[in-house]
Protein backbone atom coordinates (compact mmCIF):
# COMPACT_ATOMS: atom_id res chain seq x y z
CA MET A 1 22.25 -16.21 -5.91
CA VAL A 2 23.45 -19.78 -5.01
CA PRO A 3 23.59 -19.40 -1.10
CA LEU A 4 19.89 -17.90 -1.38
CA LEU A 5 18.71 -20.69 -3.78
CA ILE A 6 20.09 -23.22 -1.17
CA GLY A 7 17.96 -21.35 1.52
CA ILE A 8 14.97 -21.35 -0.70
CA THR A 9 15.30 -25.02 -1.09
CA ILE A 10 15.76 -25.84 2.66
CA ILE A 11 12.55 -23.69 3.96
CA SER A 12 11.00 -25.39 0.68
CA PHE A 13 11.70 -28.93 1.79
CA GLY A 14 10.97 -28.34 5.15
CA MET A 15 7.38 -26.79 4.92
CA MET A 16 6.44 -29.65 2.30
CA HIS A 17 7.30 -32.50 4.60
CA LEU A 18 5.61 -30.68 7.55
CA ALA A 19 2.76 -30.77 5.53
CA PRO A 20 0.01 -33.88 6.97
CA GLY A 21 0.42 -37.04 4.77
CA GLU A 22 2.88 -38.77 2.55
CA PRO A 23 2.62 -39.75 -0.89
CA SER A 24 2.56 -43.46 0.73
CA VAL A 25 -0.90 -42.65 2.57
CA VAL A 26 -2.32 -40.54 0.15
CA GLY A 27 -4.99 -41.72 -1.57
CA ASN A 28 -4.13 -45.03 0.43
CA GLU A 29 -5.44 -44.71 3.96
CA PHE A 30 -9.30 -45.70 3.08
CA ASN A 31 -8.33 -48.68 0.85
CA PRO A 32 -9.04 -51.81 2.15
CA LYS A 33 -6.70 -53.56 0.45
CA VAL A 34 -3.94 -52.04 1.11
CA SER A 35 -1.90 -53.14 4.61
CA SER A 36 0.35 -51.14 6.52
CA ASP A 37 2.84 -53.34 5.40
CA ASP A 38 2.39 -52.17 1.75
CA ILE A 39 2.49 -48.68 3.17
CA GLU A 40 5.73 -49.02 4.72
CA ARG A 41 7.14 -50.73 1.29
CA LEU A 42 5.80 -48.04 -0.47
CA ARG A 43 7.83 -45.42 1.97
CA VAL A 44 10.90 -47.40 1.43
CA TYR A 45 10.35 -47.24 -2.16
CA TYR A 46 10.08 -43.49 -2.17
CA GLY A 47 13.08 -42.73 0.60
CA LEU A 48 10.69 -41.48 2.93
CA ASP A 49 12.13 -44.17 5.56
CA LYS A 50 15.24 -42.08 5.91
CA SER A 51 15.53 -38.97 8.16
CA LEU A 52 14.83 -35.70 6.90
CA TYR A 53 18.45 -34.31 6.41
CA GLU A 54 19.40 -37.75 4.70
CA GLN A 55 16.22 -37.50 1.88
CA TYR A 56 17.42 -33.55 1.44
CA TRP A 57 20.98 -34.15 1.23
CA ASN A 58 20.21 -37.35 -1.48
CA TRP A 59 18.03 -34.64 -2.87
CA LEU A 60 20.56 -31.77 -3.17
CA LYS A 61 23.34 -34.09 -4.76
CA ARG A 62 20.85 -35.20 -7.30
CA LEU A 63 20.06 -31.67 -7.99
CA ALA A 64 23.77 -30.53 -8.25
CA ILE A 65 24.12 -32.77 -11.62
CA LEU A 66 20.93 -31.54 -12.87
CA ASP A 67 18.73 -34.57 -12.06
CA PHE A 68 15.24 -33.50 -10.38
CA GLY A 69 14.32 -37.35 -9.91
CA ASN A 70 10.99 -38.99 -10.79
CA SER A 71 7.86 -38.14 -9.76
CA PHE A 72 5.77 -40.23 -6.94
CA SER A 73 3.02 -40.14 -9.59
CA ALA A 74 1.61 -42.96 -11.26
CA ASP A 75 3.49 -42.35 -14.43
CA ALA A 76 6.78 -41.88 -12.51
CA ARG A 77 8.08 -39.72 -15.38
CA PRO A 78 11.35 -37.62 -14.65
CA VAL A 79 10.44 -34.23 -13.13
CA LEU A 80 12.01 -32.43 -15.26
CA ASP A 81 10.44 -33.50 -18.63
CA LYS A 82 6.92 -32.59 -16.98
CA ILE A 83 8.26 -29.39 -16.21
CA ILE A 84 9.45 -28.70 -19.34
CA GLU A 85 6.65 -29.87 -20.98
CA ARG A 86 4.38 -27.26 -18.97
CA LEU A 87 6.73 -24.22 -18.19
CA PRO A 88 6.36 -22.43 -21.64
CA VAL A 89 2.26 -21.96 -20.58
CA THR A 90 3.53 -20.40 -17.61
CA LEU A 91 6.34 -18.17 -19.28
CA TRP A 92 4.11 -16.84 -21.87
CA ILE A 93 1.36 -15.92 -19.48
CA SER A 94 3.72 -14.28 -17.24
CA ILE A 95 5.58 -12.40 -20.09
CA LEU A 96 2.44 -11.03 -21.75
CA ALA A 97 1.17 -10.13 -18.45
CA ILE A 98 4.32 -8.12 -17.49
CA LEU A 99 3.84 -6.58 -21.00
CA LEU A 100 0.63 -5.28 -20.70
CA ILE A 101 1.32 -4.14 -17.08
CA LEU A 102 4.24 -1.66 -18.65
CA VAL A 103 2.36 -0.81 -21.53
CA ILE A 104 -0.67 0.37 -19.53
CA ALA A 105 0.54 1.25 -16.38
CA ILE A 106 3.36 3.68 -17.45
CA PRO A 107 1.47 6.11 -19.27
CA ILE A 108 -1.52 5.91 -16.61
CA GLY A 109 1.50 6.79 -14.11
CA VAL A 110 2.75 9.42 -16.37
CA ALA A 111 -0.81 10.95 -17.12
CA SER A 112 -2.05 10.94 -13.21
CA ALA A 113 1.19 12.75 -12.33
CA VAL A 114 1.38 15.71 -14.94
CA ARG A 115 -2.54 16.11 -14.46
CA GLN A 116 -2.53 15.78 -10.40
CA ASN A 117 -5.48 16.17 -8.99
CA SER A 118 -7.81 16.16 -12.45
CA TRP A 119 -10.63 14.22 -12.89
CA PHE A 120 -8.32 11.74 -14.91
CA ASP A 121 -6.30 11.29 -11.88
CA ARG A 122 -9.05 10.59 -9.44
CA GLY A 123 -10.53 8.44 -12.13
CA MET A 124 -7.61 6.62 -12.06
CA THR A 125 -7.26 6.46 -8.28
CA LEU A 126 -10.43 4.68 -7.69
CA PHE A 127 -9.43 1.93 -10.94
CA VAL A 128 -6.68 1.49 -8.88
CA PHE A 129 -8.12 0.87 -5.53
CA ILE A 130 -10.79 -1.54 -7.42
CA GLY A 131 -7.98 -3.42 -8.86
CA PHE A 132 -6.47 -4.15 -5.47
CA ALA A 133 -9.70 -5.19 -3.85
CA ILE A 134 -10.76 -7.46 -6.30
CA PRO A 135 -9.77 -10.65 -5.87
CA SER A 136 -8.34 -12.46 -8.80
CA PHE A 137 -10.00 -15.77 -8.92
CA TRP A 138 -13.38 -13.59 -8.13
CA LEU A 139 -12.80 -11.37 -11.02
CA GLY A 140 -11.63 -14.44 -13.26
CA LEU A 141 -15.38 -16.10 -12.50
CA LEU A 142 -17.25 -12.66 -13.35
CA LEU A 143 -15.23 -12.51 -16.73
CA MET A 144 -15.84 -16.40 -17.25
CA ILE A 145 -19.68 -15.73 -16.73
CA TRP A 146 -19.92 -12.70 -19.07
CA LEU A 147 -17.44 -12.89 -21.49
CA GLY A 148 -17.75 -16.77 -21.89
CA VAL A 149 -21.19 -17.69 -20.78
CA ASN A 150 -23.36 -14.96 -21.27
CA THR A 151 -22.01 -13.45 -24.41
CA ASN A 152 -19.58 -16.48 -25.78
CA LEU A 153 -17.24 -13.90 -27.27
CA LEU A 154 -13.88 -15.61 -25.36
CA PRO A 155 -13.17 -19.22 -24.56
CA VAL A 156 -13.31 -19.77 -21.00
CA SER A 157 -10.48 -23.09 -20.71
CA GLY A 158 -8.12 -24.66 -22.34
CA MET A 159 -5.77 -23.47 -24.41
CA HIS A 160 -7.30 -24.64 -27.96
CA ASP A 161 -10.39 -25.40 -29.43
CA TYR A 162 -11.65 -28.75 -30.40
CA GLY A 163 -10.22 -29.21 -34.25
CA TRP A 164 -7.18 -26.89 -33.39
CA GLN A 165 -5.06 -29.20 -35.32
CA GLN A 166 -7.09 -28.71 -38.73
CA MET A 167 -6.55 -25.01 -38.58
CA GLY A 168 -4.34 -22.95 -40.51
CA PHE A 169 -1.18 -21.54 -38.97
CA ILE A 170 -3.05 -17.88 -38.37
CA GLU A 171 -6.25 -19.24 -37.46
CA GLN A 172 -4.14 -21.44 -34.75
CA GLN A 173 -2.60 -18.15 -33.51
CA LEU A 174 -5.91 -16.25 -33.44
CA ASP A 175 -7.37 -18.90 -31.85
CA LEU A 176 -4.45 -19.20 -29.15
CA MET A 177 -4.58 -15.45 -28.39
CA LYS A 178 -8.29 -15.72 -27.75
CA HIS A 179 -7.91 -18.25 -25.21
CA LEU A 180 -5.01 -15.92 -23.46
CA ILE A 181 -6.86 -12.93 -23.49
CA LEU A 182 -8.78 -13.55 -20.08
CA PRO A 183 -6.05 -15.48 -18.08
CA VAL A 184 -3.53 -12.59 -18.99
CA PHE A 185 -6.03 -9.91 -18.12
CA VAL A 186 -6.71 -11.58 -14.65
CA SER A 187 -2.83 -12.28 -13.81
CA ALA A 188 -2.15 -8.52 -14.74
CA ILE A 189 -4.87 -6.40 -13.07
CA GLY A 190 -3.29 -6.40 -9.87
CA GLY A 191 0.10 -5.54 -10.92
CA LEU A 192 -1.41 -3.06 -13.06
CA ALA A 193 -2.93 -1.03 -10.36
CA GLY A 194 -0.12 -0.96 -8.30
CA MET A 195 2.38 -0.72 -11.06
CA SER A 196 0.55 2.99 -12.15
CA ARG A 197 0.57 4.18 -8.68
CA PHE A 198 4.03 3.51 -8.00
CA MET A 199 4.76 5.45 -11.77
CA ARG A 200 2.59 8.09 -10.53
CA SER A 201 4.60 8.80 -7.09
CA GLY A 202 7.95 8.52 -8.98
CA MET A 203 6.85 11.21 -11.59
CA LEU A 204 5.89 13.38 -8.77
CA ASP A 205 9.09 13.09 -7.05
CA VAL A 206 10.86 13.70 -10.27
CA ILE A 207 8.81 16.58 -11.73
CA ARG A 208 9.63 18.73 -8.27
CA ALA A 209 13.16 17.91 -8.46
CA ASP A 210 15.60 20.77 -9.14
CA TYR A 211 17.14 19.78 -12.43
CA VAL A 212 13.46 19.87 -13.80
CA THR A 213 12.82 23.43 -12.82
CA THR A 214 15.97 24.42 -14.37
CA ALA A 215 15.14 22.99 -17.67
CA ARG A 216 11.78 24.85 -17.65
CA SER A 217 13.29 28.09 -16.97
CA MET A 218 15.89 27.17 -19.91
CA GLY A 219 12.65 27.22 -22.31
CA ILE A 220 13.19 23.05 -22.67
CA ALA A 221 9.52 22.03 -24.23
CA GLU A 222 7.52 20.36 -21.45
CA HIS A 223 6.90 17.33 -23.67
CA SER A 224 10.50 16.84 -23.49
CA ILE A 225 11.35 17.29 -20.16
CA MET A 226 8.64 14.76 -19.13
CA TYR A 227 9.70 12.16 -21.34
CA ARG A 228 13.04 12.64 -22.28
CA LEU A 229 14.11 13.98 -18.56
CA ALA A 230 11.85 12.90 -16.01
CA LEU A 231 10.31 9.48 -17.06
CA LYS A 232 13.72 7.58 -17.09
CA ASN A 233 14.52 8.49 -13.64
CA ALA A 234 11.05 8.15 -12.34
CA LEU A 235 11.20 4.50 -14.05
CA LEU A 236 14.02 3.13 -10.95
CA PRO A 237 10.84 1.99 -8.77
CA ILE A 238 9.45 0.39 -11.32
CA ILE A 239 12.71 -1.56 -12.42
CA THR A 240 12.30 -2.98 -8.68
CA LEU A 241 8.75 -3.93 -8.66
CA LEU A 242 9.28 -5.49 -12.09
CA GLY A 243 11.98 -7.72 -10.45
CA LEU A 244 9.65 -8.46 -7.40
CA SER A 245 6.57 -9.05 -9.63
CA ILE A 246 7.62 -11.97 -11.47
CA PRO A 247 7.56 -14.39 -8.25
CA GLY A 248 3.90 -13.43 -7.69
CA LEU A 249 3.14 -13.64 -11.34
CA ILE A 250 4.58 -17.46 -11.30
CA GLY A 251 2.73 -17.83 -7.85
CA GLY A 252 -0.42 -16.39 -9.48
CA SER A 253 -0.43 -18.76 -12.15
CA VAL A 254 -1.56 -21.42 -9.60
CA ILE A 255 -5.09 -19.41 -9.47
CA VAL A 256 -5.16 -18.76 -12.99
CA GLU A 257 -4.36 -21.67 -14.24
CA GLN A 258 -6.43 -23.93 -12.06
CA LEU A 259 -9.33 -21.46 -12.69
CA PHE A 260 -9.51 -21.36 -16.97
CA SER A 261 -7.83 -25.06 -16.87
CA LEU A 262 -4.50 -24.25 -18.49
CA PRO A 263 -1.88 -27.06 -18.76
CA GLY A 264 1.17 -24.90 -17.27
CA MET A 265 3.35 -24.91 -14.37
CA GLY A 266 0.50 -23.62 -11.71
CA LEU A 267 -1.69 -26.48 -12.29
CA LEU A 268 1.13 -28.92 -12.31
CA PHE A 269 2.40 -27.43 -8.73
CA TYR A 270 -1.35 -27.48 -7.48
CA GLU A 271 -1.82 -31.39 -8.50
CA ALA A 272 1.58 -32.36 -6.95
CA VAL A 273 0.99 -30.40 -3.66
CA LEU A 274 -2.64 -32.34 -3.49
CA SER A 275 -0.78 -35.81 -4.05
CA ARG A 276 2.23 -35.18 -1.89
CA ASP A 277 4.67 -35.53 -4.79
CA TYR A 278 7.88 -34.27 -3.28
CA PRO A 279 10.08 -34.53 -5.97
CA LEU A 280 7.76 -32.72 -8.45
CA VAL A 281 6.98 -29.84 -5.51
CA MET A 282 10.63 -29.39 -5.12
CA GLY A 283 11.45 -29.37 -8.55
CA ILE A 284 8.92 -26.33 -9.65
CA THR A 285 10.10 -24.70 -6.55
CA VAL A 286 13.49 -24.74 -7.59
CA ILE A 287 12.64 -23.78 -11.33
CA GLY A 288 10.75 -20.87 -9.84
CA ALA A 289 13.17 -19.42 -7.44
CA ILE A 290 15.76 -19.58 -10.32
CA LEU A 291 13.54 -17.58 -12.39
CA THR A 292 12.76 -15.05 -9.46
CA LEU A 293 16.65 -14.62 -8.78
CA LEU A 294 17.08 -14.26 -12.29
CA GLY A 295 14.54 -11.41 -12.39
CA ASN A 296 15.78 -9.68 -9.96
CA MET A 297 19.45 -9.85 -11.43
CA LEU A 298 17.74 -8.23 -14.52
CA ALA A 299 16.26 -5.66 -12.16
CA ASP A 300 19.80 -4.73 -10.83
CA LEU A 301 21.26 -4.69 -14.35
CA SER A 302 18.63 -2.20 -15.69
CA TYR A 303 19.37 0.05 -12.47
CA ALA A 304 22.64 0.57 -14.37
CA TRP A 305 20.70 1.18 -17.71
CA ALA A 306 18.20 3.68 -15.93
CA ASP A 307 20.93 5.33 -13.57
CA PRO A 308 24.25 6.80 -14.70
CA ARG A 309 25.26 7.32 -11.06
CA ILE A 310 25.12 3.57 -10.45
CA ARG A 311 26.76 3.10 -13.46
CA HIS A 312 30.01 5.39 -12.84
CA GLY A 313 29.54 5.22 -8.88
CA GLY A 314 32.45 2.51 -8.61
CA LYS A 315 34.55 4.44 -10.94
């Protein structure tokens, strides 16, 4: 994980510096009161006068002691403080989206495999194609207009209503849930479509296996075969997808949080890129990479739980 994380930081650092404009120039290029000497002083202040190698090496040394530096924005706050302040929103949306995907996609995939080529299977196939085809930002705008503007059923921006602090504890939680319904659904719809198809494909492969045929010949109930024997083995592709879906959810939070005005890490990343806030962009990239690598590690550990051959392969 450590060499992979270093490789991610090198690529991200290089790509960020390839983008046109610098923090010292962005916002000042059309200001007649800012001279070229002022811009040069800003470059020296930010350390941008050094070579790219020196900048990366200095940043990497600070990272080794968990010092992400200070933001280039006007407040000049520590990067880690700004990330910790926004990270819970992104994590909650991602975790709820994953849970929603699992709760809906696994039953749909199993039912489609058991009822292969039925009307239910064909209807779910149509649903999956629609889920793959609809862009998340367009779907979010449609839901905002329909459920928020026209019917006023759900809020369309922010995390809380006005007067949230005066509400009771239960009212606060209900208000928070109402604000998260649309962002979580929009974040989950793409993964929900793909996960259900993989679950269907995995179940079909397992159902045709010899040990399932043997279990049926022994008179074991079909329900036990499907949900005690076949389902666990069919979960292996889903575990893989879960590990790979974490970066997609974190990356997709940029669109969702921008669309619904949520104060999360995605919106912070978007603002940092526009202002060329290098320390903040790199800090968010590192945190996102760590979460992704931890997700992949959890997927590897889950393999051993789902497949005894992996647990006992070394023995």
